[in-house]
């Protein structure tokens, strides 16, 4: 009799273990299915949280108008010294690029004028009158078609940008690392200038979602959150 009860007890125990394992597997599969169904929503929430933190800690301090924002620094260091900045820029351009084909063809050497602040500018104007894109086209084509270097700039050309072509055939414009650095400087200053012209109440809070619509992208290719935004 005792052996029979022992067998029944072991059988019940084994069945309980099987039921427990089946329940565990079923629960796991259910959890995985639920996570899969909400995975897109979770990705949207995660991306939105990252955007909010990036904007809150990295972008907003530079965009909001204050006595220490990017525009104030640019105004004090650049706009208040425009003539000196322009003269220094021209001198740097000539120093770095005077050996390029464009300058050699016009017999432009490195100008080292001293004395009056505008002397360098006046000497350059005598050598290089007002120009148009056609004055540079041949030099750009030498680089694009034949890989020639030191045509207009001595710096390595990262890529060639194209104009919109509104007035005709799109124009090829060489882009260097220095140009990109200047672009990012202005891109950092511009939002600060815009928000300075608006009342504080107009400034959006970090939780408000911002986005950039890129040309060539269809609207349906952008992710939407659950509320449709």
Foldseek 3Di string as FASTA:
>chain_A
DVVVVVVVVVVVVVVVVVVVVVVVVVVVVVVVVVCVVCVLQVVVVVVLVVQLVCCVPPQVVQQADDCPHLQNVCCVPDVVPPLQVVLVVVLVLQVQQCPAQLNVVLVHHRDDDDDDSCPVVVVVCVSDPDDDVVSCQVLVCCCVVVVDASHRGNADFPAWDWDPQPVHHTDTHTDHPVNVVVVVSVVSVVSNVVNVVDDPVPDDRSSDDDDDDDPPDDPVVDDAHPVGD
